[in-house]
Each structure stands twice: as C-alpha cells, then as structure tokens.
Amino acid sequence: MISQSVVEALRRIVGPENVILEESLLEAYSLDAFGRYRGMEQQGSLPPRVHAAVRPSSTSKVAEVVKLAHRERIPLVPYGGGTGIAGAVTPLQGGIAVDLKKMNRIVALNSEDRAATVEAGVLLGDLDEALKGEGLMLGHDPYSVPIATLGGAISTNGVGYRAAKYGSMGEQVLGLEVVLPTGEVLQTRAVPKSSAGPSLHHLFIGSEGVFGIITQATIRIFRLPEARVFKTVAFAKFEDGFHALQEMSSLGLRPALVDLTEEPPGPPDGPPEGSSTPSETRMYLVFEGYAEEVEAQLARTLKVCHASRGEDIGPAPTRQYWDTRHDSAYRYKERFIDRSVREWPTEEWPRRTGYPHVAIPASQVLEYRHRCYEIASRQHLWVRECSLWTQPELFSMMLVDVSLEGQGEEGTLAQAVDEMLTLAQDMGGSMEYVHGVGVKLAHLLPRELGTGMDVLRRLKTTLDPHNIMNPGKLAL
C-alpha cells in the first residue's frame, strides 16, 4: 500500500485531479491486451493491482514522481496505451502506474531534417494524422496505430506493416529523453549517426521501462509516397514463396509490406502436413515510394516470384488486407479502452490460441517450420497460419488447441509454444521479434541471453539500485 503522505506528495506534484486511487479505475492500469490473469504460471498467483496511478503532464513532473518513488522505494510501472500483448505493464509488485497520455505534444516537426520530436504519450494515429497535413507520414504502422502510444512502441521495439521498407520502431529513433530511476533526466543527441561512444538511447529501446521512463523521442519521418501499388502472388508450396522472398531480400528489393502466409487446411483430425487438402500460400505485397522506384520494384519482384512458380492473382486480396489492418485495434478500443470501467474476469479463461513470433537465420527457416509442424501434430494443435513477415528471417505461427480433452486447460498449448520458442533459440534464433518479453516470455529470457543476462542485471543495479522501475520485467 501507499501511505497518505505519499498520496499527498503526488497530488502536489501532478495535481489532485491527476492522482487516481479509485479501485475500478486502477484495474485498467494493471493490464494490457495480454490480460492480467495470463502468463502467471511462473509467479504462482495473480499479482497485486497498482495502488495508484498518476498522470503527469511534463518531463519535470515525471522526474519529481520518480524522485519520490526512489526515495520511498515504491515500484513504478510506465503506462502508455495499454495495448501490448505480453504483459509488460503487469504490476508484479503493485506500486504506481505512470500514465503518460497527457504528454502528447508534437514538440517540433522539421521536414528538412526529416525528423519529429514528440512526447511519449502521443497516439501513433494522432501523430500520423498530424504528419499527413505536412505531406509526411510515420514509418511505424502496427495493428495498434489507433490506440498505441509512441513511448510504448519504442519500449517494445515493435514491428509494423511497413517495417520491410522503414524498419522497426527502434530503427526509426534518432534520440530520446528519459527519466532515469533516480529522477535524473537523460537527453541523447538526435542525430542519425555518432561515433562519440556507444549509442545510449539504444539502452531504452525494447527495454520495457526497466531502465527509465521515456518521456520524449525524436524519430525519423517520411514523405507521403508518390505512388502505391498492391499485388498478391499465390504459390503452390510455402517453400516456393520462401525461396522467392529470400531472392528478393538478397537483391535488396524492399516493398513496404511483405507478408508470405501459409494457411493449412483444418482443423485436421490427423497431422497437419498429412492432410490431403493443399495449403494456400500467398505473398501480400505493397510497394510505395517515388513512382519510378515503385515501378522498378514491382517488375523485378514479379520476375523473382514467377521464377519460383508464383502466380500473380491481382491486387484485391492485398488491398483487402491493407484496408482492414487496423480493424482489430478499433474493436479492442471499443471493447476495452472506451469503457469507463474494465472488470477482471471472475476466473482464468482457457487459452486456446498461441502466437509464436521468432527470428531465425534464413538458412534454418524451412527446417524450423517442419519441426514446429511436428510439435503441433504431437500436441494435437492446429496450425491455422504460418508466415514470414517483412523479411525471410521473421517467422510467425498461429496455433489453435482443437483437442476436446484440452478444453479449459492451457498447459498443452503453453508447453508446445515454449518448445517452439526454445527450439528457435537452439537453432540460433530469438524467441520474439515483435511484441517484447513482458511476463509472457520472462522465464525464457535468461536462457536466450546467457551471459548477457548478467550484463543486464549489472546495468539494472547501477541505474536502479532500489529496483523501482517496472520490477520483474526482462527477468530483472
């Protein structure tokens, strides 16, 4: 619990109206889209809710809150849009949620520098709309554009639909302003390249707030494309599409969107690869940029795909894909964010679907896919979809538990997903490339990082000696 003296101090810092203590409102600050009740197998029980939430409106106010928490040894959990799906905002030790959504100003926008300086609480969709008015756009385009904040996207180093051309969110960061766990404010220089020591802002990209609270970022921005073309290519086999994608990558072809998706038949009664019904494999492609570039990229990509027995089936499937890519975010917003109160489930819901997203050397992809199908078959799981997203090394699967005896239990699914994730690690890959670690994958992080885990612990101890900054995340 938080003492009354701390509550009064918080009210003095951010204003009484910006200190939230109502139990019903604190529920929303204690979960993201992953759900508070999930991923807690290693914890043994549900964690406490946050004891309070604050809504600072400036970096200086964030710094004062952090100084207070540092002095009183109170855990802090940075909170953006609450749209993550790994439990990065699950408050493992209670404490105070620091809601950054009031910090939503566009501080500077410079088309000549091709950069925008923006507070961390701005919604990605709002930022993109503001940029469009200047003939510019945001390069990061995840499903959650309408509801996610810039700070959250940086803290998980998210990957969006345009990442094949513009890179991940972290790759678009030029500089950061961060409040450290002691309340000090760090500002890194917003330049595209520096050799003046290691790049400090990279310490905070993908670190889920364990080393500090991002309050402002300078990011790359891009011109609106002169041209945009949609194309869909069908392949008889996933392997054919994979070889085409490998060749495209080797040539340096960079469509804005590349998604090679296989949808096996099902749900099958027997092994997924043993079905007599063929899988459907499509490559969804969006080309955008200056007109001559789009024309050249399209022509060479189709040539490569045809050489791998790909069939051009027109723009319609990809246009449908593109036009609906944010729909799930709007549904989530209506169901959860727009409600004044979010209630906890009365019992743990059975998890019937799993989504491994691994990064793996391209030379291992086909073998990895084959072994994942074997795992799914052994565990009576249906592979509803497998895909390569943005580049040939980024492999994803959608798994569904279709066994009647498994209803209401998630042990088999969780074990299968963990087996696939550790297999990726053993084959030289990483267990996650898009959504971060949170509580969902924290138990596997030491296995992946090895000695690097000790390096993270030393950094954490040095920067955050009282372990107040999102404790428990990244297995710290």
Protein backbone atom coordinates (compact mmCIF):
# COMPACT_ATOMS: atom_id res chain seq x y z
CA MET A 1 0.00 0.00 0.00
CA ILE A 2 0.95 3.66 -0.38
CA SER A 3 0.96 5.95 2.62
CA GLN A 4 -1.22 9.02 2.84
CA SER A 5 1.86 11.22 2.93
CA VAL A 6 2.98 9.80 -0.42
CA VAL A 7 -0.50 10.36 -1.86
CA GLU A 8 -0.39 13.99 -0.75
CA ALA A 9 3.07 14.41 -2.24
CA LEU A 10 1.84 13.00 -5.55
CA ARG A 11 -1.09 15.41 -5.52
CA ARG A 12 1.27 18.32 -5.03
CA ILE A 13 3.41 17.19 -7.97
CA VAL A 14 0.79 16.39 -10.62
CA GLY A 15 -2.37 18.00 -9.19
CA PRO A 16 -5.15 16.27 -7.22
CA GLU A 17 -7.17 15.54 -10.37
CA ASN A 18 -4.25 13.57 -11.80
CA VAL A 19 -3.86 11.10 -8.94
CA ILE A 20 -6.11 8.06 -9.40
CA LEU A 21 -6.99 5.92 -6.39
CA GLU A 22 -10.40 4.51 -7.32
CA GLU A 23 -10.21 0.72 -7.36
CA SER A 24 -12.30 0.39 -10.51
CA LEU A 25 -10.05 2.78 -12.45
CA LEU A 26 -6.86 1.14 -11.20
CA GLU A 27 -7.96 -2.11 -12.80
CA ALA A 28 -7.31 -0.67 -16.26
CA TYR A 29 -3.82 0.40 -15.24
CA SER A 30 -2.91 -3.13 -14.18
CA LEU A 31 -3.23 -4.90 -17.51
CA ASP A 32 -2.65 -4.66 -21.21
CA ALA A 33 -4.15 -6.66 -24.07
CA PHE A 34 -2.39 -9.80 -22.83
CA GLY A 35 -4.58 -9.85 -19.72
CA ARG A 36 -3.53 -9.81 -16.11
CA TYR A 37 -4.66 -13.39 -15.47
CA ARG A 38 -2.41 -14.92 -18.15
CA GLY A 39 1.24 -15.76 -18.25
CA MET A 40 1.49 -16.09 -14.49
CA GLU A 41 2.46 -19.77 -14.36
CA GLN A 42 5.93 -18.85 -13.07
CA GLN A 43 4.56 -16.40 -10.48
CA GLY A 44 2.28 -18.89 -8.76
CA SER A 45 -0.52 -16.39 -8.16
CA LEU A 46 -2.04 -13.23 -9.55
CA PRO A 47 0.00 -10.09 -8.87
CA PRO A 48 -1.50 -7.14 -6.98
CA ARG A 49 -3.06 -4.23 -8.82
CA VAL A 50 -1.23 -0.93 -8.83
CA HIS A 51 -2.03 1.05 -5.71
CA ALA A 52 -2.29 4.37 -7.53
CA ALA A 53 -1.88 5.94 -10.94
CA VAL A 54 -0.60 9.39 -11.82
CA ARG A 55 -0.96 11.43 -15.00
CA PRO A 56 1.98 13.84 -15.26
CA SER A 57 1.93 16.48 -17.98
CA SER A 58 5.65 17.20 -18.35
CA THR A 59 9.06 15.63 -18.05
CA SER A 60 9.77 17.67 -14.94
CA LYS A 61 6.67 16.26 -13.24
CA VAL A 62 7.67 12.72 -14.23
CA ALA A 63 11.09 13.36 -12.73
CA GLU A 64 9.54 14.56 -9.45
CA VAL A 65 7.35 11.45 -9.26
CA VAL A 66 10.37 9.24 -9.88
CA LYS A 67 12.44 11.04 -7.24
CA LEU A 68 9.64 10.47 -4.73
CA ALA A 69 9.36 6.79 -5.64
CA HIS A 70 13.15 6.39 -5.45
CA ARG A 71 13.22 7.95 -2.00
CA GLU A 72 10.25 5.90 -0.72
CA ARG A 73 11.23 2.64 -2.51
CA ILE A 74 7.91 2.47 -4.40
CA PRO A 75 7.69 0.47 -7.67
CA LEU A 76 6.75 2.38 -10.82
CA VAL A 77 5.18 1.00 -13.99
CA PRO A 78 5.31 3.22 -17.11
CA TYR A 79 1.92 3.08 -18.87
CA GLY A 80 1.12 4.16 -22.42
CA GLY A 81 -1.87 2.90 -24.39
CA GLY A 82 -2.16 -0.46 -22.62
CA THR A 83 -2.17 -2.25 -25.98
CA GLY A 84 0.80 -4.59 -25.56
CA ILE A 85 0.17 -8.32 -25.71
CA ALA A 86 2.98 -9.62 -23.48
CA GLY A 87 2.01 -8.18 -20.08
CA ALA A 88 4.74 -5.55 -19.94
CA VAL A 89 2.56 -3.34 -17.70
CA THR A 90 1.51 -6.12 -15.31
CA PRO A 91 2.41 -4.70 -11.87
CA LEU A 92 4.25 -7.62 -10.28
CA GLN A 93 4.83 -5.63 -7.07
CA GLY A 94 1.93 -3.19 -7.10
CA GLY A 95 3.18 0.39 -6.85
CA ILE A 96 2.27 3.37 -9.05
CA ALA A 97 1.35 3.41 -12.73
CA VAL A 98 2.77 6.44 -14.54
CA ASP A 99 0.27 7.22 -17.29
CA LEU A 100 1.98 9.30 -19.98
CA LYS A 101 -1.00 10.01 -22.24
CA LYS A 102 -1.27 13.65 -21.13
CA MET A 103 2.21 14.12 -22.58
CA ASN A 104 1.02 14.09 -26.18
CA ARG A 105 2.50 17.22 -27.77
CA ILE A 106 4.35 17.36 -31.05
CA VAL A 107 7.28 19.48 -29.89
CA ALA A 108 8.96 20.02 -33.27
CA LEU A 109 8.43 18.87 -36.83
CA ASN A 110 11.16 19.52 -39.38
CA SER A 111 10.71 18.25 -42.93
CA GLU A 112 14.22 19.37 -43.86
CA ASP A 113 15.72 17.26 -41.07
CA ARG A 114 13.13 14.55 -41.78
CA ALA A 115 12.57 14.34 -38.03
CA ALA A 116 9.85 14.95 -35.46
CA THR A 117 10.32 15.49 -31.74
CA VAL A 118 7.28 14.15 -29.92
CA GLU A 119 6.24 13.47 -26.33
CA ALA A 120 5.93 9.79 -25.45
CA GLY A 121 2.20 9.76 -24.78
CA VAL A 122 1.05 10.76 -28.26
CA LEU A 123 -1.05 8.15 -30.03
CA LEU A 124 0.58 6.83 -33.18
CA GLY A 125 -2.58 7.50 -35.18
CA ASP A 126 -2.79 11.12 -34.00
CA LEU A 127 0.86 11.67 -34.88
CA ASP A 128 0.40 10.16 -38.33
CA GLU A 129 -2.62 12.39 -39.00
CA ALA A 130 -0.66 15.48 -37.99
CA LEU A 131 2.19 14.48 -40.28
CA LYS A 132 -0.15 13.96 -43.24
CA GLY A 133 -1.09 17.62 -43.04
CA GLU A 134 2.55 18.39 -43.84
CA GLY A 135 2.83 15.86 -46.65
CA LEU A 136 4.64 13.44 -44.34
CA MET A 137 3.95 10.13 -42.62
CA LEU A 138 5.00 7.87 -39.77
CA GLY A 139 7.07 4.86 -40.80
CA HIS A 140 5.85 2.66 -37.94
CA ASP A 141 2.47 1.13 -38.77
CA PRO A 142 1.43 -1.68 -36.37
CA TYR A 143 -2.11 -3.03 -35.99
CA SER A 144 -2.43 -0.78 -32.92
CA VAL A 145 -1.86 2.58 -34.65
CA PRO A 146 -5.23 3.97 -33.45
CA ILE A 147 -4.59 3.15 -29.78
CA ALA A 148 -0.85 2.70 -29.07
CA THR A 149 1.50 5.42 -27.83
CA LEU A 150 4.91 6.30 -29.23
CA GLY A 151 6.65 5.57 -25.93
CA GLY A 152 5.10 2.12 -25.72
CA ALA A 153 6.09 1.30 -29.29
CA ILE A 154 9.70 2.27 -28.57
CA SER A 155 9.76 0.40 -25.26
CA THR A 156 8.86 -2.85 -27.00
CA ASN A 157 10.67 -2.10 -30.28
CA GLY A 158 7.56 -3.02 -32.22
CA VAL A 159 7.35 -4.10 -35.85
CA GLY A 160 4.62 -2.72 -38.11
CA TYR A 161 3.20 -3.43 -41.54
CA ARG A 162 5.70 -1.09 -43.24
CA ALA A 163 8.78 -2.48 -41.47
CA ALA A 164 10.16 -4.15 -44.62
CA LYS A 165 10.87 -0.66 -46.03
CA TYR A 166 11.17 1.60 -42.99
CA GLY A 167 12.39 -0.73 -40.24
CA SER A 168 11.16 -1.44 -36.72
CA MET A 169 10.11 1.33 -34.36
CA GLY A 170 13.51 1.25 -32.69
CA GLU A 171 15.30 1.68 -36.00
CA GLN A 172 13.41 4.93 -36.55
CA VAL A 173 14.53 6.52 -33.26
CA LEU A 174 17.14 9.27 -33.54
CA GLY A 175 17.26 10.41 -29.92
CA LEU A 176 15.45 10.08 -26.60
CA GLU A 177 14.65 11.98 -23.44
CA VAL A 178 14.45 9.57 -20.50
CA VAL A 179 13.83 9.99 -16.78
CA LEU A 180 16.24 7.62 -15.04
CA PRO A 181 15.25 5.66 -11.89
CA THR A 182 16.89 8.30 -9.68
CA GLY A 183 14.89 11.12 -11.25
CA GLU A 184 17.76 12.42 -13.38
CA VAL A 185 16.87 13.35 -16.96
CA LEU A 186 18.97 11.95 -19.81
CA GLN A 187 18.81 13.53 -23.28
CA THR A 188 20.64 11.86 -26.14
CA ARG A 189 21.61 13.80 -29.25
CA ALA A 190 19.14 13.29 -32.09
CA VAL A 191 21.46 12.52 -34.98
CA PRO A 192 21.38 9.60 -37.41
CA LYS A 193 24.99 8.58 -36.67
CA SER A 194 27.57 9.26 -33.98
CA SER A 195 30.91 7.70 -33.06
CA ALA A 196 31.13 9.54 -29.73
CA GLY A 197 30.94 6.40 -27.65
CA PRO A 198 28.13 3.81 -27.56
CA SER A 199 24.64 4.87 -28.56
CA LEU A 200 22.95 5.37 -25.19
CA HIS A 201 19.40 5.69 -26.50
CA HIS A 202 19.52 2.07 -27.66
CA LEU A 203 19.62 1.02 -23.99
CA PHE A 204 15.99 2.13 -23.68
CA ILE A 205 14.64 0.72 -26.94
CA GLY A 206 12.89 -2.56 -26.26
CA SER A 207 13.71 -2.44 -22.54
CA GLU A 208 10.07 -2.14 -21.35
CA GLY A 209 10.81 0.67 -18.93
CA VAL A 210 13.19 -1.22 -16.64
CA PHE A 211 15.97 1.37 -17.05
CA GLY A 212 13.86 4.53 -17.13
CA ILE A 213 10.73 6.24 -18.41
CA ILE A 214 10.85 7.56 -21.98
CA THR A 215 9.20 10.99 -21.98
CA GLN A 216 10.15 12.31 -25.43
CA ALA A 217 11.61 10.96 -28.66
CA THR A 218 12.99 12.34 -31.89
CA ILE A 219 12.10 9.97 -34.71
CA ARG A 220 12.55 9.74 -38.45
CA ILE A 221 9.61 10.85 -40.57
CA PHE A 222 8.99 10.18 -44.24
CA ARG A 223 7.39 11.83 -47.25
CA LEU A 224 3.99 10.56 -48.29
CA PRO A 225 4.60 8.21 -51.23
CA GLU A 226 4.01 9.42 -54.77
CA ALA A 227 2.70 6.01 -55.75
CA ARG A 228 1.34 2.90 -54.05
CA VAL A 229 0.67 -0.43 -55.77
CA PHE A 230 -0.92 -3.60 -54.34
CA LYS A 231 -0.03 -7.06 -55.58
CA THR A 232 -0.78 -10.64 -54.48
CA VAL A 233 1.17 -13.71 -55.58
CA ALA A 234 -0.03 -17.27 -54.98
CA PHE A 235 2.36 -20.20 -54.55
CA ALA A 236 1.63 -23.92 -54.66
CA LYS A 237 4.03 -24.50 -51.76
CA PHE A 238 5.32 -22.43 -48.88
CA GLU A 239 8.87 -23.42 -49.86
CA ASP A 240 8.45 -21.73 -53.25
CA GLY A 241 7.33 -18.48 -51.64
CA PHE A 242 10.20 -18.66 -49.16
CA HIS A 243 12.79 -19.02 -51.92
CA ALA A 244 11.23 -16.05 -53.73
CA LEU A 245 11.36 -13.95 -50.58
CA GLN A 246 14.99 -14.93 -50.00
CA GLU A 247 15.91 -13.83 -53.52
CA MET A 248 14.01 -10.56 -53.10
CA SER A 249 15.89 -9.85 -49.89
CA SER A 250 19.26 -10.75 -51.44
CA LEU A 251 18.60 -8.34 -54.32
CA GLY A 252 17.70 -5.53 -51.93
CA LEU A 253 14.07 -5.31 -53.01
CA ARG A 254 12.13 -3.50 -50.31
CA PRO A 255 8.37 -3.38 -50.70
CA ALA A 256 6.67 -1.50 -47.88
CA LEU A 257 4.70 -4.62 -46.96
CA VAL A 258 5.81 -8.21 -47.40
CA ASP A 259 3.77 -10.99 -45.82
CA LEU A 260 4.19 -14.59 -47.01
CA THR A 261 1.35 -16.51 -45.39
CA GLU A 262 0.51 -20.20 -45.48
CA GLU A 263 -2.96 -21.26 -44.35
CA PRO A 264 -3.06 -25.04 -43.91
CA PRO A 265 -6.38 -26.87 -44.16
CA GLY A 266 -8.16 -27.66 -40.97
CA PRO A 267 -8.65 -28.06 -38.27
CA PRO A 268 -7.38 -31.51 -39.23
CA ASP A 269 -8.04 -34.80 -37.47
CA GLY A 270 -4.55 -36.05 -38.19
CA PRO A 271 -1.11 -34.49 -38.60
CA PRO A 272 -1.35 -31.04 -40.25
CA GLU A 273 1.07 -31.96 -43.03
CA GLY A 274 -0.74 -35.22 -43.66
CA SER A 275 -3.95 -33.65 -44.91
CA SER A 276 -4.97 -34.36 -48.47
CA THR A 277 -6.21 -30.78 -48.89
CA PRO A 278 -3.39 -28.49 -50.07
CA SER A 279 -2.35 -25.45 -48.10
CA GLU A 280 -2.92 -21.99 -49.52
CA THR A 281 0.18 -19.82 -49.68
CA ARG A 282 0.07 -16.17 -50.68
CA MET A 283 2.53 -13.34 -50.67
CA TYR A 284 0.89 -10.00 -49.88
CA LEU A 285 2.87 -7.08 -51.29
CA VAL A 286 2.55 -3.30 -51.11
CA PHE A 287 5.00 -1.10 -52.99
CA GLU A 288 5.20 2.60 -52.21
CA GLY A 289 7.59 5.46 -52.78
CA TYR A 290 8.52 7.61 -55.75
CA ALA A 291 6.88 6.46 -58.98
CA GLU A 292 9.94 5.10 -60.78
CA GLU A 293 11.00 3.17 -57.71
CA VAL A 294 7.59 1.53 -57.34
CA GLU A 295 7.54 0.54 -60.99
CA ALA A 296 11.02 -0.99 -60.86
CA GLN A 297 10.48 -2.80 -57.55
CA LEU A 298 7.20 -4.28 -58.76
CA ALA A 299 8.62 -5.50 -62.06
CA ARG A 300 11.66 -7.22 -60.53
CA THR A 301 9.65 -8.71 -57.65
CA LEU A 302 7.15 -10.29 -60.04
CA LYS A 303 10.02 -11.67 -62.11
CA VAL A 304 11.52 -13.27 -59.00
CA CYS A 305 8.17 -14.70 -57.91
CA HIS A 306 7.43 -16.13 -61.35
CA ALA A 307 10.82 -17.86 -61.28
CA SER A 308 9.65 -19.61 -58.09
CA ARG A 309 6.38 -20.67 -59.72
CA GLY A 310 4.39 -17.83 -58.22
CA GLU A 311 1.14 -16.71 -59.88
CA ASP A 312 0.05 -13.09 -59.93
CA ILE A 313 -3.58 -13.12 -58.69
CA GLY A 314 -4.08 -9.37 -58.69
CA PRO A 315 -4.31 -6.57 -56.13
CA ALA A 316 -7.68 -7.35 -54.49
CA PRO A 317 -6.57 -9.74 -51.67
CA THR A 318 -3.75 -7.43 -50.60
CA ARG A 319 -5.92 -4.31 -50.82
CA GLN A 320 -8.45 -6.02 -48.53
CA TYR A 321 -5.60 -6.95 -46.17
CA TRP A 322 -4.30 -3.37 -46.20
CA ASP A 323 -7.67 -1.71 -45.72
CA THR A 324 -8.54 -3.85 -42.68
CA ARG A 325 -5.14 -4.00 -40.99
CA HIS A 326 -6.15 -1.76 -38.07
CA ASP A 327 -9.66 -3.15 -37.56
CA SER A 328 -8.73 -5.30 -34.56
CA ALA A 329 -7.40 -2.20 -32.80
CA TYR A 330 -10.70 -0.40 -33.27
CA ARG A 331 -12.53 -3.44 -31.87
CA TYR A 332 -10.20 -3.50 -28.88
CA LYS A 333 -10.72 0.23 -28.35
CA GLU A 334 -14.49 -0.16 -28.36
CA ARG A 335 -14.46 -3.18 -26.09
CA PHE A 336 -11.94 -2.03 -23.52
CA ILE A 337 -10.46 1.46 -23.83
CA ASP A 338 -13.71 3.35 -24.37
CA ARG A 339 -15.36 1.69 -21.36
CA SER A 340 -15.20 3.66 -18.13
CA VAL A 341 -14.56 0.50 -16.10
CA ARG A 342 -12.79 -2.72 -17.05
CA GLU A 343 -13.70 -5.66 -14.88
CA TRP A 344 -11.41 -8.56 -14.10
CA PRO A 345 -12.57 -11.98 -15.28
CA THR A 346 -14.13 -13.97 -12.46
CA GLU A 347 -11.97 -16.97 -13.39
CA GLU A 348 -8.98 -17.70 -15.55
CA TRP A 349 -10.13 -18.03 -19.15
CA PRO A 350 -8.78 -21.01 -21.06
CA ARG A 351 -6.19 -20.01 -23.62
CA ARG A 352 -6.88 -21.82 -26.87
CA THR A 353 -4.63 -19.86 -29.25
CA GLY A 354 -0.88 -19.26 -29.25
CA TYR A 355 1.26 -16.93 -31.38
CA PRO A 356 4.99 -17.68 -31.51
CA HIS A 357 6.96 -14.96 -33.30
CA VAL A 358 10.61 -15.92 -33.71
CA ALA A 359 13.61 -14.50 -35.53
CA ILE A 360 15.77 -17.24 -37.02
CA PRO A 361 18.58 -17.43 -39.59
CA ALA A 362 17.11 -17.78 -43.06
CA SER A 363 19.05 -20.99 -43.63
CA GLN A 364 17.12 -22.58 -40.74
CA VAL A 365 13.61 -21.40 -41.57
CA LEU A 366 12.31 -24.39 -43.53
CA GLU A 367 13.73 -26.93 -41.08
CA TYR A 368 12.31 -24.92 -38.18
CA ARG A 369 8.89 -24.78 -39.82
CA HIS A 370 8.94 -28.56 -40.37
CA ARG A 371 9.83 -29.25 -36.74
CA CYS A 372 7.14 -26.86 -35.49
CA TYR A 373 4.56 -28.77 -37.51
CA GLU A 374 5.79 -31.96 -35.83
CA ILE A 375 5.38 -30.39 -32.40
CA ALA A 376 1.88 -29.18 -33.27
CA SER A 377 0.87 -32.61 -34.52
CA ARG A 378 2.20 -34.34 -31.40
CA GLN A 379 0.29 -31.91 -29.15
CA HIS A 380 -2.94 -32.06 -31.19
CA LEU A 381 -2.71 -28.42 -32.20
CA TRP A 382 -3.92 -26.97 -35.48
CA VAL A 383 -1.51 -24.67 -37.29
CA ARG A 384 -4.03 -22.16 -38.50
CA GLU A 385 -1.39 -19.99 -40.14
CA CYS A 386 2.35 -19.62 -40.52
CA SER A 387 4.03 -16.66 -42.11
CA LEU A 388 7.18 -14.72 -42.83
CA TRP A 389 6.68 -11.03 -42.12
CA THR A 390 8.78 -8.17 -43.54
CA GLN A 391 11.87 -10.36 -44.15
CA PRO A 392 12.72 -14.05 -44.55
CA GLU A 393 14.12 -14.38 -41.01
CA LEU A 394 10.96 -13.33 -39.15
CA PHE A 395 8.72 -16.38 -38.73
CA SER A 396 5.29 -16.47 -37.05
CA MET A 397 2.66 -19.12 -36.37
CA MET A 398 -0.93 -19.15 -35.14
CA LEU A 399 -1.71 -22.29 -33.14
CA VAL A 400 -5.16 -23.45 -32.04
CA ASP A 401 -5.88 -26.15 -29.46
CA VAL A 402 -8.57 -28.25 -31.15
CA SER A 403 -8.49 -31.25 -28.79
CA LEU A 404 -11.73 -31.86 -26.90
CA GLU A 405 -9.87 -33.19 -23.89
CA GLY A 406 -7.87 -29.96 -23.76
CA GLN A 407 -10.89 -27.69 -23.24
CA GLY A 408 -10.42 -25.41 -20.27
CA GLU A 409 -6.73 -26.24 -19.96
CA GLU A 410 -3.85 -24.32 -21.44
CA GLY A 411 -0.95 -26.48 -20.29
CA THR A 412 -0.55 -28.36 -23.57
CA LEU A 413 -0.65 -25.21 -25.67
CA ALA A 414 1.76 -23.35 -23.39
CA GLN A 415 4.17 -26.30 -23.41
CA ALA A 416 4.05 -26.52 -27.19
CA VAL A 417 4.70 -22.79 -27.60
CA ASP A 418 7.63 -22.95 -25.16
CA GLU A 419 9.02 -25.93 -27.05
CA MET A 420 8.86 -23.96 -30.29
CA LEU A 421 10.47 -20.91 -28.71
CA THR A 422 13.33 -22.84 -27.16
CA LEU A 423 13.80 -24.69 -30.45
CA ALA A 424 14.27 -21.32 -32.16
CA GLN A 425 16.87 -20.39 -29.55
CA ASP A 426 18.67 -23.71 -30.05
CA MET A 427 18.74 -23.14 -33.82
CA GLY A 428 20.50 -19.79 -33.42
CA GLY A 429 17.42 -17.55 -33.32
CA SER A 430 15.48 -15.36 -30.92
CA MET A 431 12.19 -16.26 -29.25
CA GLU A 432 10.43 -12.97 -30.10
CA TYR A 433 10.76 -10.24 -32.72
CA VAL A 434 7.72 -8.00 -32.37
CA HIS A 435 5.86 -7.84 -29.05
CA GLY A 436 8.53 -7.82 -26.37
CA VAL A 437 9.03 -10.01 -23.29
CA GLY A 438 6.65 -8.77 -20.57
CA VAL A 439 5.57 -11.51 -18.18
CA LYS A 440 4.73 -13.81 -21.08
CA LEU A 441 8.33 -14.68 -22.02
CA ALA A 442 10.37 -13.57 -19.00
CA HIS A 443 11.01 -17.17 -17.93
CA LEU A 444 12.87 -17.85 -21.20
CA LEU A 445 14.95 -14.68 -21.36
CA PRO A 446 17.91 -15.90 -19.23
CA ARG A 447 18.11 -18.97 -21.50
CA GLU A 448 18.35 -16.71 -24.55
CA LEU A 449 20.74 -14.07 -23.23
CA GLY A 450 23.17 -16.27 -21.27
CA THR A 451 26.00 -14.07 -20.01
CA GLY A 452 24.07 -11.11 -21.40
CA MET A 453 21.57 -11.61 -18.59
CA ASP A 454 24.32 -10.88 -16.06
CA VAL A 455 25.20 -7.74 -18.02
CA LEU A 456 21.56 -6.59 -17.82
CA ARG A 457 21.49 -7.26 -14.07
CA ARG A 458 24.60 -5.15 -13.54
CA LEU A 459 23.15 -2.32 -15.59
CA LYS A 460 19.89 -2.57 -13.65
CA THR A 461 21.68 -2.48 -10.28
CA THR A 462 23.74 0.54 -11.33
CA LEU A 463 20.90 2.59 -12.81
CA ASP A 464 18.12 1.41 -10.49
CA PRO A 465 19.68 0.37 -7.16
CA HIS A 466 16.29 0.13 -5.41
CA ASN A 467 14.66 -1.82 -8.27
CA ILE A 468 11.69 0.50 -8.54
CA MET A 469 11.40 0.74 -12.34
CA ASN A 470 8.94 -1.87 -13.66
CA PRO A 471 10.44 -4.57 -11.43
CA GLY A 472 10.30 -8.14 -12.67
CA LYS A 473 10.24 -7.30 -16.37
CA LEU A 474 13.06 -8.65 -18.55
CA ALA A 475 13.51 -11.14 -15.67
CA LEU A 476 15.12 -8.33 -13.63
